[in-house]
All heavy atoms as atom14 arrays in JSON, in Angstrom:
{
  "sequence": "NWGEGWGFMPSDRALVFVDNHDNQRGHGAGGASILTFFDARLYKMG",
  "atom14_mask": [
    [1, 1, 1, 1, 1, 1, 1, 1, 0, 0, 0, 0, 0, 0],
    [1, 1, 1, 1, 1, 1, 1, 1, 1, 1, 1, 1, 1, 1],
    [1, 1, 1, 1, 0, 0, 0, 0, 0, 0, 0, 0, 0, 0],
    [1, 1, 1, 1, 1, 1, 1, 1, 1, 0, 0, 0, 0, 0],
    [1, 1, 1, 1, 0, 0, 0, 0, 0, 0, 0, 0, 0, 0],
    [1, 1, 1, 1, 1, 1, 1, 1, 1, 1, 1, 1, 1, 1],
    [1, 1, 1, 1, 0, 0, 0, 0, 0, 0, 0, 0, 0, 0],
    [1, 1, 1, 1, 1, 1, 1, 1, 1, 1, 1, 0, 0, 0],
    [1, 1, 1, 1, 1, 1, 1, 1, 0, 0, 0, 0, 0, 0],
    [1, 1, 1, 1, 1, 1, 1, 0, 0, 0, 0, 0, 0, 0],
    [1, 1, 1, 1, 1, 1, 0, 0, 0, 0, 0, 0, 0, 0],
    [1, 1, 1, 1, 1, 1, 1, 1, 0, 0, 0, 0, 0, 0],
    [1, 1, 1, 1, 1, 1, 1, 1, 1, 1, 1, 0, 0, 0],
    [1, 1, 1, 1, 1, 0, 0, 0, 0, 0, 0, 0, 0, 0],
    [1, 1, 1, 1, 1, 1, 1, 1, 0, 0, 0, 0, 0, 0],
    [1, 1, 1, 1, 1, 1, 1, 0, 0, 0, 0, 0, 0, 0],
    [1, 1, 1, 1, 1, 1, 1, 1, 1, 1, 1, 0, 0, 0],
    [1, 1, 1, 1, 1, 1, 1, 0, 0, 0, 0, 0, 0, 0],
    [1, 1, 1, 1, 1, 1, 1, 1, 0, 0, 0, 0, 0, 0],
    [1, 1, 1, 1, 1, 1, 1, 1, 0, 0, 0, 0, 0, 0],
    [1, 1, 1, 1, 1, 1, 1, 1, 1, 1, 0, 0, 0, 0],
    [1, 1, 1, 1, 1, 1, 1, 1, 0, 0, 0, 0, 0, 0],
    [1, 1, 1, 1, 1, 1, 1, 1, 0, 0, 0, 0, 0, 0],
    [1, 1, 1, 1, 1, 1, 1, 1, 1, 0, 0, 0, 0, 0],
    [1, 1, 1, 1, 1, 1, 1, 1, 1, 1, 1, 0, 0, 0],
    [1, 1, 1, 1, 0, 0, 0, 0, 0, 0, 0, 0, 0, 0],
    [1, 1, 1, 1, 1, 1, 1, 1, 1, 1, 0, 0, 0, 0],
    [1, 1, 1, 1, 0, 0, 0, 0, 0, 0, 0, 0, 0, 0],
    [1, 1, 1, 1, 1, 0, 0, 0, 0, 0, 0, 0, 0, 0],
    [1, 1, 1, 1, 0, 0, 0, 0, 0, 0, 0, 0, 0, 0],
    [1, 1, 1, 1, 0, 0, 0, 0, 0, 0, 0, 0, 0, 0],
    [1, 1, 1, 1, 1, 0, 0, 0, 0, 0, 0, 0, 0, 0],
    [1, 1, 1, 1, 1, 1, 0, 0, 0, 0, 0, 0, 0, 0],
    [1, 1, 1, 1, 1, 1, 1, 1, 0, 0, 0, 0, 0, 0],
    [1, 1, 1, 1, 1, 1, 1, 1, 0, 0, 0, 0, 0, 0],
    [1, 1, 1, 1, 1, 1, 1, 0, 0, 0, 0, 0, 0, 0],
    [1, 1, 1, 1, 1, 1, 1, 1, 1, 1, 1, 0, 0, 0],
    [1, 1, 1, 1, 1, 1, 1, 1, 1, 1, 1, 0, 0, 0],
    [1, 1, 1, 1, 1, 1, 1, 1, 0, 0, 0, 0, 0, 0],
    [1, 1, 1, 1, 1, 0, 0, 0, 0, 0, 0, 0, 0, 0],
    [1, 1, 1, 1, 1, 1, 1, 1, 1, 1, 1, 0, 0, 0],
    [1, 1, 1, 1, 1, 1, 1, 1, 0, 0, 0, 0, 0, 0],
    [1, 1, 1, 1, 1, 1, 1, 1, 1, 1, 1, 1, 0, 0],
    [1, 1, 1, 1, 1, 1, 1, 1, 1, 0, 0, 0, 0, 0],
    [1, 1, 1, 1, 1, 1, 1, 1, 0, 0, 0, 0, 0, 0],
    [1, 1, 1, 1, 0, 0, 0, 0, 0, 0, 0, 0, 0, 0]
  ],
  "atom14_positions": [
    [[0.87, -1.17, -0.02], [-0.02, 0.02, -0.01], [0.88, 1.28, 0.03], [0.52, 2.35, 0.54], [-0.89, 0.03, 1.24], [-0.25, 0.15, 2.55], [0.92, -0.28, 2.56], [-0.89, 0.66, 3.49], [0.0, 0.0, 0.0], [0.0, 0.0, 0.0], [0.0, 0.0, 0.0], [0.0, 0.0, 0.0], [0.0, 0.0, 0.0], [0.0, 0.0, 0.0]],
    [[2.03, 1.27, -0.71], [3.0, 2.28, -0.73], [2.29, 3.62, -1.24], [1.42, 3.51, -2.2], [4.12, 1.87, -1.63], [5.2, 2.86, -1.8], [5.61, 3.5, -2.93], [6.22, 3.27, -0.73], [6.63, 4.37, -2.65], [6.97, 4.23, -1.4], [6.33, 2.87, 0.63], [8.13, 4.74, -0.62], [7.38, 3.47, 1.3], [8.27, 4.48, 0.65]],
    [[2.67, 4.69, -0.71], [2.21, 6.0, -1.16], [1.22, 6.52, -0.12], [1.69, 6.68, 1.11], [0.0, 0.0, 0.0], [0.0, 0.0, 0.0], [0.0, 0.0, 0.0], [0.0, 0.0, 0.0], [0.0, 0.0, 0.0], [0.0, 0.0, 0.0], [0.0, 0.0, 0.0], [0.0, 0.0, 0.0], [0.0, 0.0, 0.0], [0.0, 0.0, 0.0]],
    [[0.1, 6.95, -0.41], [-0.82, 7.53, 0.63], [-1.08, 6.62, 1.79], [-1.25, 7.12, 3.07], [-2.11, 8.02, -0.03], [-2.09, 9.17, -0.9], [-2.02, 8.77, -2.49], [-1.5, 7.62, -2.73], [-2.38, 9.54, -3.33], [0.0, 0.0, 0.0], [0.0, 0.0, 0.0], [0.0, 0.0, 0.0], [0.0, 0.0, 0.0], [0.0, 0.0, 0.0]],
    [[-0.99, 5.3, 1.44], [-1.3, 4.39, 2.51], [-0.19, 4.37, 3.59], [-0.27, 3.88, 4.69], [0.0, 0.0, 0.0], [0.0, 0.0, 0.0], [0.0, 0.0, 0.0], [0.0, 0.0, 0.0], [0.0, 0.0, 0.0], [0.0, 0.0, 0.0], [0.0, 0.0, 0.0], [0.0, 0.0, 0.0], [0.0, 0.0, 0.0], [0.0, 0.0, 0.0]],
    [[0.96, 4.92, 3.27], [2.15, 5.17, 4.27], [2.1, 6.48, 4.89], [3.03, 6.92, 5.59], [3.35, 4.92, 3.53], [3.74, 3.41, 3.47], [3.06, 2.58, 2.8], [4.98, 2.81, 3.92], [3.74, 1.27, 2.82], [4.88, 1.48, 3.56], [5.97, 3.22, 4.69], [5.88, 0.44, 3.93], [7.03, 2.26, 5.05], [6.94, 0.93, 4.73]],
    [[1.03, 7.24, 4.66], [0.92, 8.66, 5.27], [1.61, 9.7, 4.55], [1.92, 10.75, 4.99], [0.0, 0.0, 0.0], [0.0, 0.0, 0.0], [0.0, 0.0, 0.0], [0.0, 0.0, 0.0], [0.0, 0.0, 0.0], [0.0, 0.0, 0.0], [0.0, 0.0, 0.0], [0.0, 0.0, 0.0], [0.0, 0.0, 0.0], [0.0, 0.0, 0.0]],
    [[1.82, 9.4, 3.13], [2.39, 10.38, 2.32], [1.41, 11.27, 1.84], [0.22, 11.02, 1.79], [3.14, 9.71, 1.04], [4.22, 8.72, 1.45], [4.82, 8.02, 0.47], [4.8, 8.65, 2.71], [5.95, 7.04, 0.78], [5.81, 7.79, 2.96], [6.31, 7.0, 2.05], [0.0, 0.0, 0.0], [0.0, 0.0, 0.0], [0.0, 0.0, 0.0]],
    [[1.83, 12.38, 1.27], [0.84, 13.44, 0.58], [0.23, 12.88, -0.56], [0.69, 11.79, -1.11], [1.62, 14.75, 0.34], [2.63, 14.59, -0.81], [3.54, 16.1, -1.11], [4.72, 16.18, 0.41], [0.0, 0.0, 0.0], [0.0, 0.0, 0.0], [0.0, 0.0, 0.0], [0.0, 0.0, 0.0], [0.0, 0.0, 0.0], [0.0, 0.0, 0.0]],
    [[-0.95, 13.39, -1.08], [-1.57, 12.89, -2.22], [-0.61, 12.77, -3.4], [0.22, 13.72, -3.55], [-2.64, 13.92, -2.47], [-2.95, 14.55, -1.22], [-1.65, 14.56, -0.43], [0.0, 0.0, 0.0], [0.0, 0.0, 0.0], [0.0, 0.0, 0.0], [0.0, 0.0, 0.0], [0.0, 0.0, 0.0], [0.0, 0.0, 0.0], [0.0, 0.0, 0.0]],
    [[-0.73, 11.72, -4.23], [0.19, 11.45, -5.28], [0.37, 12.63, -6.24], [1.48, 12.95, -6.78], [-0.24, 10.22, -6.01], [0.5, 10.0, -7.15], [0.0, 0.0, 0.0], [0.0, 0.0, 0.0], [0.0, 0.0, 0.0], [0.0, 0.0, 0.0], [0.0, 0.0, 0.0], [0.0, 0.0, 0.0], [0.0, 0.0, 0.0], [0.0, 0.0, 0.0]],
    [[-0.74, 13.37, -6.42], [-0.74, 14.46, -7.51], [-0.15, 15.7, -6.95], [-0.15, 16.73, -7.62], [-2.14, 14.69, -8.07], [-3.13, 15.04, -7.11], [-2.81, 15.09, -5.9], [-4.3, 15.5, -7.51], [0.0, 0.0, 0.0], [0.0, 0.0, 0.0], [0.0, 0.0, 0.0], [0.0, 0.0, 0.0], [0.0, 0.0, 0.0], [0.0, 0.0, 0.0]],
    [[0.29, 15.71, -5.65], [0.91, 16.85, -5.12], [2.43, 16.56, -4.77], [3.12, 17.42, -4.31], [0.19, 17.21, -3.72], [-1.2, 17.73, -3.95], [-1.24, 19.03, -4.67], [-2.56, 19.46, -4.99], [-3.27, 19.3, -5.96], [-2.75, 18.42, -7.06], [-4.47, 19.69, -6.21], [0.0, 0.0, 0.0], [0.0, 0.0, 0.0], [0.0, 0.0, 0.0]],
    [[2.83, 15.31, -4.99], [4.17, 14.85, -4.58], [5.18, 14.87, -5.68], [5.02, 14.35, -6.81], [4.13, 13.5, -4.03], [0.0, 0.0, 0.0], [0.0, 0.0, 0.0], [0.0, 0.0, 0.0], [0.0, 0.0, 0.0], [0.0, 0.0, 0.0], [0.0, 0.0, 0.0], [0.0, 0.0, 0.0], [0.0, 0.0, 0.0], [0.0, 0.0, 0.0]],
    [[6.47, 15.46, -5.36], [7.61, 15.18, -6.12], [8.49, 14.17, -5.38], [8.76, 14.43, -4.18], [8.29, 16.4, -6.39], [9.59, 16.11, -7.34], [9.5, 16.85, -8.67], [10.92, 16.31, -6.65], [0.0, 0.0, 0.0], [0.0, 0.0, 0.0], [0.0, 0.0, 0.0], [0.0, 0.0, 0.0], [0.0, 0.0, 0.0], [0.0, 0.0, 0.0]],
    [[8.85, 13.03, -5.86], [9.54, 11.99, -5.09], [10.82, 11.68, -5.68], [11.14, 11.85, -6.86], [8.68, 10.69, -5.11], [7.33, 11.11, -4.41], [8.48, 10.09, -6.52], [0.0, 0.0, 0.0], [0.0, 0.0, 0.0], [0.0, 0.0, 0.0], [0.0, 0.0, 0.0], [0.0, 0.0, 0.0], [0.0, 0.0, 0.0], [0.0, 0.0, 0.0]],
    [[11.75, 11.1, -4.89], [13.1, 10.79, -5.21], [13.71, 9.85, -4.05], [13.17, 9.87, -3.0], [13.95, 12.17, -5.14], [13.69, 12.97, -4.02], [14.45, 13.0, -2.84], [12.55, 13.94, -3.97], [14.13, 13.77, -1.73], [12.29, 14.76, -2.91], [13.08, 14.69, -1.77], [0.0, 0.0, 0.0], [0.0, 0.0, 0.0], [0.0, 0.0, 0.0]],
    [[14.57, 9.12, -4.45], [15.26, 8.16, -3.5], [16.2, 8.82, -2.69], [16.39, 8.68, -1.44], [15.88, 6.94, -4.24], [16.82, 6.18, -3.41], [14.79, 6.04, -4.96], [0.0, 0.0, 0.0], [0.0, 0.0, 0.0], [0.0, 0.0, 0.0], [0.0, 0.0, 0.0], [0.0, 0.0, 0.0], [0.0, 0.0, 0.0], [0.0, 0.0, 0.0]],
    [[16.97, 9.87, -3.25], [18.0, 10.71, -2.6], [18.03, 11.99, -3.33], [17.64, 12.14, -4.48], [19.32, 9.96, -2.57], [19.95, 9.88, -3.88], [19.35, 9.54, -4.87], [21.21, 9.92, -4.02], [0.0, 0.0, 0.0], [0.0, 0.0, 0.0], [0.0, 0.0, 0.0], [0.0, 0.0, 0.0], [0.0, 0.0, 0.0], [0.0, 0.0, 0.0]],
    [[18.57, 13.07, -2.59], [18.82, 14.31, -3.24], [20.14, 14.76, -2.8], [20.82, 14.18, -2.08], [17.6, 15.36, -2.99], [17.71, 15.99, -1.64], [18.4, 15.49, -0.73], [17.02, 17.16, -1.54], [0.0, 0.0, 0.0], [0.0, 0.0, 0.0], [0.0, 0.0, 0.0], [0.0, 0.0, 0.0], [0.0, 0.0, 0.0], [0.0, 0.0, 0.0]],
    [[20.51, 15.98, -3.34], [21.91, 16.46, -3.05], [22.19, 16.72, -1.69], [23.34, 16.74, -1.26], [22.13, 17.76, -3.98], [21.32, 18.9, -3.54], [20.09, 19.04, -3.83], [21.74, 19.96, -2.67], [19.66, 20.31, -3.32], [20.57, 20.83, -2.68], [0.0, 0.0, 0.0], [0.0, 0.0, 0.0], [0.0, 0.0, 0.0], [0.0, 0.0, 0.0]],
    [[21.14, 16.96, -0.81], [21.24, 17.23, 0.53], [21.41, 15.92, 1.3], [22.38, 15.68, 2.11], [20.19, 17.97, 1.15], [20.32, 19.52, 0.9], [21.45, 20.08, 1.1], [19.37, 20.22, 0.55], [0.0, 0.0, 0.0], [0.0, 0.0, 0.0], [0.0, 0.0, 0.0], [0.0, 0.0, 0.0], [0.0, 0.0, 0.0], [0.0, 0.0, 0.0]],
    [[20.41, 15.04, 1.26], [20.31, 13.98, 2.13], [21.26, 12.76, 1.8], [21.53, 12.0, 2.59], [18.93, 13.44, 2.41], [18.08, 13.0, 1.19], [18.8, 12.64, 0.19], [16.82, 12.79, 1.22], [0.0, 0.0, 0.0], [0.0, 0.0, 0.0], [0.0, 0.0, 0.0], [0.0, 0.0, 0.0], [0.0, 0.0, 0.0], [0.0, 0.0, 0.0]],
    [[21.86, 12.88, 0.47], [22.92, 11.86, 0.31], [24.13, 12.23, 1.07], [24.99, 11.47, 1.18], [23.12, 11.77, -1.28], [23.83, 12.95, -1.89], [24.08, 12.71, -3.39], [24.89, 13.46, -3.87], [23.53, 11.77, -3.97], [0.0, 0.0, 0.0], [0.0, 0.0, 0.0], [0.0, 0.0, 0.0], [0.0, 0.0, 0.0], [0.0, 0.0, 0.0]],
    [[24.29, 13.49, 1.57], [25.34, 13.9, 2.39], [25.05, 13.93, 3.86], [25.79, 14.45, 4.64], [25.83, 15.28, 2.03], [26.46, 15.37, 0.65], [26.61, 16.74, 0.08], [27.36, 16.72, -1.14], [27.02, 16.27, -2.3], [25.76, 15.83, -2.44], [27.86, 16.17, -3.36], [0.0, 0.0, 0.0], [0.0, 0.0, 0.0], [0.0, 0.0, 0.0]],
    [[23.81, 13.35, 4.2], [23.54, 13.34, 5.62], [22.81, 14.62, 6.03], [22.5, 14.68, 7.26], [0.0, 0.0, 0.0], [0.0, 0.0, 0.0], [0.0, 0.0, 0.0], [0.0, 0.0, 0.0], [0.0, 0.0, 0.0], [0.0, 0.0, 0.0], [0.0, 0.0, 0.0], [0.0, 0.0, 0.0], [0.0, 0.0, 0.0], [0.0, 0.0, 0.0]],
    [[22.55, 15.58, 5.12], [21.79, 16.85, 5.4], [20.33, 16.59, 5.31], [19.92, 15.66, 4.62], [22.2, 17.94, 4.57], [23.63, 18.34, 4.64], [24.07, 19.57, 5.22], [24.71, 17.81, 4.13], [25.27, 19.65, 5.17], [25.82, 18.59, 4.5], [0.0, 0.0, 0.0], [0.0, 0.0, 0.0], [0.0, 0.0, 0.0], [0.0, 0.0, 0.0]],
    [[19.59, 17.53, 5.77], [18.13, 17.4, 5.55], [17.36, 16.32, 6.25], [17.22, 16.35, 7.46], [0.0, 0.0, 0.0], [0.0, 0.0, 0.0], [0.0, 0.0, 0.0], [0.0, 0.0, 0.0], [0.0, 0.0, 0.0], [0.0, 0.0, 0.0], [0.0, 0.0, 0.0], [0.0, 0.0, 0.0], [0.0, 0.0, 0.0], [0.0, 0.0, 0.0]],
    [[16.91, 15.31, 5.41], [15.96, 14.33, 6.15], [16.3, 12.99, 5.69], [16.72, 12.74, 4.62], [14.53, 14.62, 5.68], [0.0, 0.0, 0.0], [0.0, 0.0, 0.0], [0.0, 0.0, 0.0], [0.0, 0.0, 0.0], [0.0, 0.0, 0.0], [0.0, 0.0, 0.0], [0.0, 0.0, 0.0], [0.0, 0.0, 0.0], [0.0, 0.0, 0.0]],
    [[16.21, 12.01, 6.69], [16.25, 10.55, 6.37], [17.49, 9.93, 7.08], [17.54, 8.74, 7.32], [0.0, 0.0, 0.0], [0.0, 0.0, 0.0], [0.0, 0.0, 0.0], [0.0, 0.0, 0.0], [0.0, 0.0, 0.0], [0.0, 0.0, 0.0], [0.0, 0.0, 0.0], [0.0, 0.0, 0.0], [0.0, 0.0, 0.0], [0.0, 0.0, 0.0]],
    [[18.53, 10.69, 7.35], [19.74, 10.17, 7.94], [20.32, 9.04, 7.26], [20.35, 9.03, 6.09], [0.0, 0.0, 0.0], [0.0, 0.0, 0.0], [0.0, 0.0, 0.0], [0.0, 0.0, 0.0], [0.0, 0.0, 0.0], [0.0, 0.0, 0.0], [0.0, 0.0, 0.0], [0.0, 0.0, 0.0], [0.0, 0.0, 0.0], [0.0, 0.0, 0.0]],
    [[20.82, 8.03, 7.99], [21.6, 6.91, 7.36], [20.84, 5.92, 6.57], [21.29, 5.08, 5.77], [22.31, 6.14, 8.49], [0.0, 0.0, 0.0], [0.0, 0.0, 0.0], [0.0, 0.0, 0.0], [0.0, 0.0, 0.0], [0.0, 0.0, 0.0], [0.0, 0.0, 0.0], [0.0, 0.0, 0.0], [0.0, 0.0, 0.0], [0.0, 0.0, 0.0]],
    [[19.43, 6.1, 6.67], [18.7, 5.16, 5.87], [18.64, 5.49, 4.34], [18.28, 4.73, 3.48], [17.14, 5.21, 6.34], [16.41, 6.38, 5.95], [0.0, 0.0, 0.0], [0.0, 0.0, 0.0], [0.0, 0.0, 0.0], [0.0, 0.0, 0.0], [0.0, 0.0, 0.0], [0.0, 0.0, 0.0], [0.0, 0.0, 0.0], [0.0, 0.0, 0.0]],
    [[18.94, 6.78, 4.02], [18.91, 7.12, 2.69], [19.88, 6.34, 1.77], [20.98, 6.17, 1.98], [19.33, 8.66, 2.62], [18.27, 9.64, 3.25], [19.32, 9.07, 0.98], [16.86, 9.51, 2.7], [0.0, 0.0, 0.0], [0.0, 0.0, 0.0], [0.0, 0.0, 0.0], [0.0, 0.0, 0.0], [0.0, 0.0, 0.0], [0.0, 0.0, 0.0]],
    [[19.33, 5.8, 0.65], [20.08, 5.03, -0.33], [20.81, 5.95, -1.24], [20.14, 6.97, -1.8], [19.17, 4.03, -1.12], [18.45, 2.98, -0.21], [17.31, 2.34, -1.13], [19.36, 1.99, 0.26], [0.0, 0.0, 0.0], [0.0, 0.0, 0.0], [0.0, 0.0, 0.0], [0.0, 0.0, 0.0], [0.0, 0.0, 0.0], [0.0, 0.0, 0.0]],
    [[22.1, 5.65, -1.54], [22.75, 6.55, -2.5], [23.73, 5.67, -3.36], [23.74, 4.42, -3.21], [23.79, 7.5, -1.78], [24.88, 6.73, -1.12], [23.01, 8.34, -0.59], [0.0, 0.0, 0.0], [0.0, 0.0, 0.0], [0.0, 0.0, 0.0], [0.0, 0.0, 0.0], [0.0, 0.0, 0.0], [0.0, 0.0, 0.0], [0.0, 0.0, 0.0]],
    [[24.39, 6.31, -4.31], [25.24, 5.51, -5.24], [26.31, 4.73, -4.46], [26.92, 3.86, -5.0], [25.81, 6.42, -6.35], [26.75, 7.44, -5.68], [28.09, 7.14, -5.52], [26.33, 8.75, -5.38], [28.98, 8.12, -5.09], [27.19, 9.67, -4.85], [28.47, 9.4, -4.64], [0.0, 0.0, 0.0], [0.0, 0.0, 0.0], [0.0, 0.0, 0.0]],
    [[26.67, 5.18, -3.25], [27.62, 4.48, -2.46], [27.11, 3.01, -2.16], [28.02, 2.14, -1.87], [27.96, 5.24, -1.19], [28.8, 6.4, -1.38], [28.25, 7.67, -1.12], [30.12, 6.33, -1.9], [29.04, 8.87, -1.31], [30.94, 7.53, -1.98], [30.39, 8.8, -1.71], [0.0, 0.0, 0.0], [0.0, 0.0, 0.0], [0.0, 0.0, 0.0]],
    [[25.85, 2.87, -2.04], [25.26, 1.53, -1.91], [24.66, 1.09, -3.22], [23.39, 0.84, -3.37], [24.1, 1.49, -0.84], [24.5, 2.4, 0.35], [25.43, 1.9, 1.05], [23.99, 3.48, 0.66], [0.0, 0.0, 0.0], [0.0, 0.0, 0.0], [0.0, 0.0, 0.0], [0.0, 0.0, 0.0], [0.0, 0.0, 0.0], [0.0, 0.0, 0.0]],
    [[25.42, 0.85, -4.26], [24.92, 0.73, -5.64], [23.83, -0.34, -5.85], [22.81, -0.11, -6.39], [25.98, 0.56, -6.55], [0.0, 0.0, 0.0], [0.0, 0.0, 0.0], [0.0, 0.0, 0.0], [0.0, 0.0, 0.0], [0.0, 0.0, 0.0], [0.0, 0.0, 0.0], [0.0, 0.0, 0.0], [0.0, 0.0, 0.0], [0.0, 0.0, 0.0]],
    [[24.05, -1.55, -5.13], [23.19, -2.65, -5.41], [21.78, -2.34, -4.8], [20.72, -2.47, -5.49], [23.73, -3.89, -4.67], [22.89, -5.06, -4.96], [23.67, -6.32, -4.41], [23.09, -7.64, -4.81], [22.27, -8.39, -3.98], [21.94, -7.8, -2.75], [21.66, -9.42, -4.37], [0.0, 0.0, 0.0], [0.0, 0.0, 0.0], [0.0, 0.0, 0.0]],
    [[21.74, -1.9, -3.56], [20.44, -1.41, -2.99], [19.83, -0.18, -3.64], [18.65, -0.13, -3.75], [20.72, -1.22, -1.53], [21.19, -2.29, -0.67], [21.38, -1.93, 0.82], [20.33, -3.56, -0.7], [0.0, 0.0, 0.0], [0.0, 0.0, 0.0], [0.0, 0.0, 0.0], [0.0, 0.0, 0.0], [0.0, 0.0, 0.0], [0.0, 0.0, 0.0]],
    [[20.71, 0.77, -4.08], [20.3, 1.9, -4.65], [19.5, 1.67, -5.93], [18.35, 2.22, -6.2], [21.39, 2.85, -4.9], [21.1, 4.23, -5.47], [20.48, 5.18, -4.62], [21.33, 4.62, -6.74], [20.05, 6.4, -5.1], [20.98, 5.77, -7.26], [20.31, 6.71, -6.45], [20.03, 7.98, -6.82], [0.0, 0.0, 0.0], [0.0, 0.0, 0.0]],
    [[20.03, 0.73, -6.82], [19.34, 0.43, -8.12], [17.98, -0.15, -7.77], [17.05, 0.1, -8.57], [20.25, -0.48, -8.89], [21.41, 0.27, -9.59], [22.35, -0.69, -10.38], [23.29, -1.47, -9.54], [24.23, -2.29, -10.38], [0.0, 0.0, 0.0], [0.0, 0.0, 0.0], [0.0, 0.0, 0.0], [0.0, 0.0, 0.0], [0.0, 0.0, 0.0]],
    [[17.91, -1.1, -6.72], [16.56, -1.62, -6.38], [15.64, -0.53, -5.98], [14.48, -0.51, -6.35], [16.73, -2.58, -5.32], [17.09, -3.99, -5.74], [16.62, -5.23, -4.4], [17.97, -5.03, -3.34], [0.0, 0.0, 0.0], [0.0, 0.0, 0.0], [0.0, 0.0, 0.0], [0.0, 0.0, 0.0], [0.0, 0.0, 0.0], [0.0, 0.0, 0.0]],
    [[16.04, 0.46, -5.2], [15.22, 1.49, -4.67], [14.76, 2.37, -5.78], [13.58, 2.66, -5.91], [0.0, 0.0, 0.0], [0.0, 0.0, 0.0], [0.0, 0.0, 0.0], [0.0, 0.0, 0.0], [0.0, 0.0, 0.0], [0.0, 0.0, 0.0], [0.0, 0.0, 0.0], [0.0, 0.0, 0.0], [0.0, 0.0, 0.0], [0.0, 0.0, 0.0]]
  ]
}
């Protein structure tokens, strides 16, 4: 039930991404859970 079922905003209001320039560096939001190119195998799945 990924998406709104997880408490996310409505789909037609959301811009989504696995990582961005901030949180791939530990800034912003998500902390160590954020997938980046440093974890290439998991990142490609995400």
